[in-house]
Protein backbone atom coordinates (compact mmCIF):
# COMPACT_ATOMS: atom_id res chain seq x y z
CA MET A 1 25.39 -16.30 127.41
CA ALA A 2 27.68 -16.24 124.23
CA TYR A 3 31.18 -15.83 124.85
CA HIS A 4 34.03 -15.00 121.59
CA PHE A 5 36.72 -16.47 123.53
CA ARG A 6 39.02 -18.53 121.00
CA ASN A 7 42.59 -18.21 122.73
CA LEU A 8 43.45 -20.29 126.24
CA ILE A 9 46.89 -19.86 127.53
CA PHE A 10 48.15 -21.99 130.23
CA GLU A 11 50.95 -20.75 132.82
CA GLY A 12 53.53 -22.97 133.92
CA GLY A 13 53.45 -23.94 137.43
CA GLY A 14 55.26 -27.47 138.07
CA VAL A 15 52.58 -29.68 140.12
CA LYS A 16 50.43 -26.69 140.40
CA GLY A 17 49.44 -27.47 137.08
CA ILE A 18 46.93 -30.00 138.49
CA ALA A 19 44.64 -26.63 139.59
CA TYR A 20 43.86 -26.40 135.53
CA VAL A 21 41.95 -29.49 136.07
CA GLY A 22 39.74 -27.31 137.99
CA ALA A 23 39.40 -24.37 136.45
CA MET A 24 38.82 -26.15 133.22
CA GLN A 25 35.57 -27.26 134.50
CA VAL A 26 34.28 -24.03 135.21
CA LEU A 27 35.24 -23.26 131.32
CA GLU A 28 33.49 -26.25 130.59
CA GLU A 29 30.56 -25.69 132.71
CA GLU A 30 29.98 -22.18 131.25
CA GLY A 31 29.68 -23.47 127.37
CA VAL A 32 33.19 -21.90 126.75
CA LEU A 33 35.69 -24.65 125.95
CA PRO A 34 33.95 -25.77 122.62
CA GLY A 35 34.62 -22.42 120.81
CA ILE A 36 38.11 -22.43 121.51
CA ARG A 37 40.32 -22.43 118.27
CA ARG A 38 43.85 -22.20 119.70
CA VAL A 39 45.70 -23.13 123.17
CA GLY A 40 49.23 -22.63 124.56
CA GLY A 41 51.42 -23.09 127.38
CA THR A 42 54.50 -23.62 128.83
CA SER A 43 56.08 -25.98 130.82
CA ALA A 44 53.34 -27.93 133.41
CA GLY A 45 50.68 -25.42 131.41
CA ALA A 46 51.93 -27.04 127.79
CA ILE A 47 51.47 -30.33 129.33
CA ASN A 48 47.41 -28.91 129.83
CA ALA A 49 47.50 -27.56 126.81
CA ALA A 50 48.45 -30.54 124.97
CA LEU A 51 45.74 -32.66 126.65
CA PHE A 52 43.08 -30.02 126.05
CA ALA A 53 44.22 -29.96 122.16
CA LEU A 54 44.51 -33.90 121.75
CA GLY A 55 40.79 -34.18 122.54
CA PHE A 56 40.60 -35.30 126.14
CA THR A 57 37.54 -33.94 128.26
CA ASN A 58 37.98 -32.41 131.65
CA ALA A 59 36.82 -34.95 133.17
CA GLN A 60 39.26 -37.44 131.56
CA GLN A 61 42.13 -35.16 132.69
CA ARG A 62 41.26 -35.23 135.57
CA ASN A 63 41.61 -38.47 135.68
CA ILE A 64 44.64 -38.65 133.90
CA MET A 65 46.44 -36.19 136.65
CA LYS A 66 44.73 -38.72 139.65
CA LYS A 67 46.17 -41.82 138.31
CA LEU A 68 49.98 -40.14 137.97
CA ASP A 69 52.86 -40.63 140.30
CA PHE A 70 55.45 -37.50 139.66
CA ASN A 71 58.06 -39.77 140.87
CA ASN A 72 57.53 -41.53 137.83
CA PHE A 73 59.36 -38.56 135.99
CA MET A 74 62.35 -39.27 138.29
CA ASP A 75 64.05 -41.51 136.12
CA ASP A 76 68.06 -41.54 136.54
CA SER A 77 70.52 -44.12 135.96
CA TRP A 78 71.83 -46.56 138.36
CA GLY A 79 74.75 -45.08 140.04
CA ALA A 80 75.61 -41.25 140.20
CA LEU A 81 78.16 -41.51 137.59
CA ARG A 82 76.28 -41.46 134.98
CA ASP A 83 73.66 -39.08 136.45
CA THR A 84 76.27 -36.22 136.75
CA LYS A 85 77.84 -36.80 133.50
CA ARG A 86 74.38 -35.66 132.00
CA LEU A 87 74.21 -33.03 134.53
CA ILE A 88 76.94 -31.31 132.77
CA GLU A 89 77.02 -32.37 129.65
CA ARG A 90 72.91 -31.89 129.37
CA PHE A 91 72.13 -30.09 132.07
CA GLY A 92 69.86 -32.13 134.13
CA TRP A 93 69.40 -34.95 136.94
CA TYR A 94 66.86 -37.14 135.32
CA LYS A 95 66.82 -38.23 131.64
CA GLY A 96 63.02 -37.36 130.59
CA ASP A 97 62.26 -40.27 128.76
CA PHE A 98 59.48 -41.09 130.90
CA PHE A 99 58.17 -38.45 130.59
CA HIS A 100 58.15 -38.68 126.98
CA GLU A 101 56.92 -41.64 126.72
CA TRP A 102 54.04 -40.60 129.11
CA ILE A 103 52.78 -38.19 126.67
CA CYS A 104 53.58 -40.34 123.54
CA GLY A 105 50.73 -42.15 124.96
CA HIS A 106 48.32 -39.78 125.47
CA ILE A 107 49.17 -38.84 121.77
CA ARG A 108 48.33 -42.08 120.60
CA LYS A 109 45.79 -42.68 122.10
CA LYS A 110 43.95 -39.85 120.73
CA LEU A 111 45.24 -39.58 117.00
CA GLY A 112 46.69 -43.37 116.58
CA GLU A 113 50.47 -42.43 116.48
CA PRO A 114 52.73 -41.15 119.18
CA ASN A 115 54.85 -39.73 116.80
CA ALA A 116 51.99 -36.99 115.46
CA THR A 117 52.89 -33.87 114.11
CA PHE A 118 51.63 -30.72 115.07
CA GLU A 119 50.24 -30.27 111.91
CA ASP A 120 48.64 -33.48 112.36
CA LEU A 121 46.60 -31.91 114.95
CA ARG A 122 45.01 -29.56 112.70
CA GLU A 123 43.90 -32.17 109.92
CA ALA A 124 42.46 -34.07 113.24
CA GLY A 125 40.29 -30.96 113.78
CA ARG A 126 41.61 -30.07 116.94
CA PRO A 127 42.51 -26.80 118.55
CA ASP A 128 45.80 -25.58 116.98
CA LEU A 129 48.70 -25.98 119.89
CA TYR A 130 51.20 -23.49 120.89
CA VAL A 131 54.00 -24.56 123.22
CA TYR A 132 57.05 -22.26 124.49
CA GLY A 133 60.37 -23.19 124.82
CA THR A 134 63.71 -21.87 125.85
CA ASN A 135 66.64 -21.77 123.38
CA LEU A 136 70.03 -21.68 125.27
CA SER A 137 72.14 -21.64 122.14
CA THR A 138 69.91 -18.30 121.08
CA GLY A 139 69.37 -16.42 123.81
CA PHE A 140 65.80 -16.21 122.61
CA GLY A 141 62.59 -17.90 123.24
CA GLU A 142 60.64 -20.10 120.34
CA VAL A 143 56.91 -21.11 119.92
CA PHE A 144 56.38 -25.12 118.62
CA SER A 145 53.14 -25.06 116.68
CA ARG A 146 51.38 -25.72 113.12
CA GLU A 147 52.22 -22.15 112.42
CA HIS A 148 55.85 -22.82 113.09
CA THR A 149 56.93 -25.93 113.11
CA PRO A 150 54.41 -28.39 111.47
CA LYS A 151 56.62 -31.16 111.07
CA MET A 152 57.66 -31.25 114.56
CA ARG A 153 56.23 -34.03 116.65
CA ILE A 154 54.54 -33.31 119.67
CA ALA A 155 55.42 -34.77 121.93
CA ASP A 156 58.90 -33.40 121.59
CA GLY A 157 57.85 -29.61 121.80
CA VAL A 158 55.47 -30.35 125.39
CA ARG A 159 59.03 -32.33 125.99
CA ILE A 160 61.20 -29.20 125.39
CA SER A 161 58.73 -27.01 126.64
CA MET A 162 59.00 -28.82 130.92
CA SER A 163 62.49 -29.35 131.11
CA ILE A 164 62.96 -27.70 134.05
CA PRO A 165 66.50 -26.53 134.03
CA LEU A 166 69.39 -29.47 136.25
CA PHE A 167 65.99 -31.47 137.16
CA PHE A 168 65.42 -32.57 133.67
CA ALA A 169 68.26 -33.23 130.65
CA ALA A 170 68.13 -30.29 128.17
CA VAL A 171 67.04 -31.50 124.68
CA ARG A 172 68.88 -30.69 121.28
CA ASN A 173 68.17 -30.62 117.96
CA ALA A 174 69.31 -31.32 114.72
CA ARG A 175 71.70 -28.01 114.74
CA ASP A 176 72.79 -28.65 118.01
CA ASP A 177 70.82 -26.18 119.80
CA VAL A 178 70.45 -26.64 123.51
CA TYR A 179 66.48 -26.37 124.55
CA VAL A 180 65.07 -26.14 128.21
CA ASP A 181 62.03 -25.67 129.84
CA GLY A 182 59.93 -22.23 128.44
CA GLY A 183 59.15 -20.80 131.80
CA VAL A 184 63.52 -19.80 132.36
CA LEU A 185 62.02 -16.51 129.38
CA ASN A 186 58.63 -16.80 129.75
CA ASN A 187 56.25 -18.70 132.27
CA TYR A 188 53.34 -17.20 131.02
CA PRO A 189 52.76 -16.40 127.35
CA ILE A 190 49.83 -14.38 127.40
CA LYS A 191 50.82 -12.46 124.55
CA LEU A 192 51.25 -15.58 122.10
CA PHE A 193 47.28 -14.64 120.49
CA ASP A 194 48.00 -10.89 121.03
CA ARG A 195 48.09 -10.35 117.01
CA GLU A 196 44.51 -9.48 115.42
CA LYS A 197 44.61 -12.19 113.05
CA TYR A 198 44.34 -14.52 116.03
CA ILE A 199 40.93 -12.42 116.98
CA ALA A 200 37.41 -13.76 116.03
CA PRO A 201 36.35 -11.69 113.38
CA ASP A 202 32.90 -11.16 115.43
CA ASN A 203 34.94 -9.84 118.03
CA ARG A 204 36.94 -7.54 116.21
CA PRO A 205 34.42 -4.20 116.69
CA ARG A 206 33.94 -5.02 120.37
CA MET A 207 37.69 -5.22 121.53
CA ALA A 208 38.01 -2.11 119.36
CA MET A 209 35.33 -0.26 121.02
CA GLU A 210 36.27 -1.45 124.53
CA THR A 211 40.15 -0.40 123.99
CA GLU A 212 39.40 3.17 122.53
CA PRO A 213 40.35 5.61 124.40
CA THR A 214 37.69 7.91 126.10
CA ALA A 215 37.35 11.72 126.60
CA GLU A 216 38.87 13.37 129.81
CA ARG A 217 35.63 14.60 132.16
């Protein structure tokens, strides 16, 4: 059976993101994944989306998650004083540096450069990646992608998206805006690809027919 799916969205959910490996296996067996052009997610979902966009197979992602010790993400400082200061000034107990280095390592494996940008994914022939973060300074959510932030480093976007408030330190940009986990405002950004330009041309007539109101009987 031919599928017209072109976009995937991953919901946030902490360690429950591991469950996506099983779901992706089903999509792989059904032949859905080769047609995916865009992938997006929030928090843990942003991690899964990034690994897929980078080109890791489902088997490789399963192996990555199997080997991952989530305790390593709890990279606090020696002494509670520094951690308390970070909690007050950056709204998180843990630094988040280990995670940033971890995702950079996987980016390097597939793109050859840990500081690769969202634009670099397109140049490598990979699906476009969209990750969602929350800007506390403006009170709005923001999408990081080749379309919106082409020069932004992939690792920075994913790090923002999974910055669980009070757990991981928030991220500040050049304007001094404060960013935290995208799940604060939109844990399941299902509407990311609702615009017509994201719909496969060969699927538009069918979608129009399915959404057209039917006459009352």
